[in-house]
């Protein structure tokens, strides 16, 4: 299965966040700005040929949800793995 690894830069990315992705040899994590939507990702990585087609056919969330998201998309069952941190791990440990 083809997998695309995305990390959304919310200003709360830590070095250890890369470990959340179970990377195999040759895989990379692509960092995108917080303004990017699911539709932007779907068109950029070839799930849909145009923004209009993505808007018409995508049934998932438009805004990338906080935390970990994993989508299996299309007949080829391509995997879109997304990490959007909503809190720093240090803050979580202090408040948890």
Protein backbone atom coordinates (compact mmCIF):
# COMPACT_ATOMS: atom_id res chain seq x y z
CA UNK A 1 0.00 0.00 0.00
CA UNK A 2 1.23 3.48 -0.90
CA UNK A 3 1.44 5.78 2.16
CA UNK A 4 1.87 9.54 2.40
CA UNK A 5 2.95 10.92 5.80
CA UNK A 6 1.91 14.48 6.65
CA UNK A 7 2.69 16.60 9.71
CA UNK A 8 0.76 19.87 10.13
CA UNK A 9 2.89 22.71 11.52
CA UNK A 10 0.70 24.14 14.29
CA UNK A 11 3.68 25.68 16.06
CA UNK A 12 3.63 22.76 18.50
CA UNK A 13 5.81 20.26 16.63
CA UNK A 14 8.49 18.53 18.67
CA UNK A 15 11.44 16.46 17.43
CA UNK A 16 9.88 13.32 18.91
CA UNK A 17 6.74 13.77 16.77
CA UNK A 18 8.53 12.14 13.82
CA UNK A 19 8.60 8.90 15.86
CA UNK A 20 4.80 8.73 15.70
CA UNK A 21 5.10 7.69 12.06
CA UNK A 22 6.05 4.06 11.52
CA UNK A 23 8.42 4.93 8.69
CA UNK A 24 9.75 2.24 6.41
CA UNK A 25 12.95 2.66 4.42
CA UNK A 26 12.65 5.51 1.96
CA UNK A 27 9.52 7.06 3.48
CA UNK A 28 9.49 10.73 4.42
CA UNK A 29 7.27 13.00 6.49
CA UNK A 30 6.05 16.10 4.67
CA UNK A 31 5.44 19.18 6.81
CA UNK A 32 2.60 21.47 5.70
CA UNK A 33 1.38 24.82 7.08
CA UNK A 34 -1.67 24.94 9.32
CA UNK A 35 -3.73 26.75 6.63
CA UNK A 36 -3.76 23.64 4.41
CA UNK A 37 -7.09 21.79 4.17
CA UNK A 38 -7.85 18.17 3.40
CA UNK A 39 -8.93 19.24 -0.09
CA UNK A 40 -5.53 20.84 -0.69
CA UNK A 41 -3.79 17.60 0.34
CA UNK A 42 -6.09 15.40 -1.76
CA UNK A 43 -5.38 17.41 -4.91
CA UNK A 44 -1.65 17.91 -4.20
CA UNK A 45 -1.04 14.18 -3.77
CA UNK A 46 -3.17 13.07 -6.70
CA UNK A 47 -6.21 11.59 -4.98
CA UNK A 48 -8.36 13.94 -7.09
CA UNK A 49 -7.39 15.72 -10.32
CA UNK A 50 -8.81 19.11 -9.28
CA UNK A 51 -10.03 21.09 -6.31
CA UNK A 52 -13.57 21.00 -7.74
CA UNK A 53 -13.51 17.20 -7.98
CA UNK A 54 -12.16 16.93 -4.44
CA UNK A 55 -14.90 19.22 -3.12
CA UNK A 56 -17.57 17.26 -4.98
CA UNK A 57 -16.42 13.74 -4.06
CA UNK A 58 -14.62 13.93 -0.69
CA UNK A 59 -16.90 12.76 2.14
CA UNK A 60 -14.47 13.28 5.02
CA UNK A 61 -13.55 16.39 7.02
CA UNK A 62 -12.49 19.55 5.19
CA UNK A 63 -10.48 20.93 8.10
CA UNK A 64 -7.70 18.57 9.15
CA UNK A 65 -8.70 17.24 12.60
CA UNK A 66 -6.42 17.68 15.61
CA UNK A 67 -4.34 14.67 16.61
CA UNK A 68 -3.74 11.55 14.56
CA UNK A 69 -5.78 10.87 11.40
CA UNK A 70 -5.45 8.01 8.97
CA UNK A 71 -7.42 7.77 5.72
CA UNK A 72 -7.44 4.89 3.22
CA UNK A 73 -8.54 6.45 -0.06
CA UNK A 74 -9.53 5.21 -3.51
CA UNK A 75 -9.51 1.97 -5.41
CA UNK A 76 -5.74 1.75 -5.00
CA UNK A 77 -6.27 2.04 -1.22
CA UNK A 78 -3.62 4.72 -0.75
CA UNK A 79 -2.92 5.60 2.85
CA UNK A 80 -2.85 9.23 4.03
CA UNK A 81 -1.39 9.47 7.57
CA UNK A 82 -1.65 12.90 9.22
CA UNK A 83 -0.36 14.21 12.55
CA UNK A 84 -1.71 17.60 13.68
CA UNK A 85 -0.45 18.32 17.20
CA UNK A 86 -2.84 20.30 19.36
CA UNK A 87 -0.67 20.43 22.49
CA UNK A 88 2.97 19.99 23.37
CA UNK A 89 3.88 16.67 24.96
CA UNK A 90 5.48 18.56 27.88
CA UNK A 91 2.22 20.48 28.46
CA UNK A 92 0.25 17.24 28.34
CA UNK A 93 2.49 15.62 30.96
CA UNK A 94 2.18 18.65 33.27
CA UNK A 95 -1.62 18.87 32.95
CA UNK A 96 -2.38 15.15 32.61
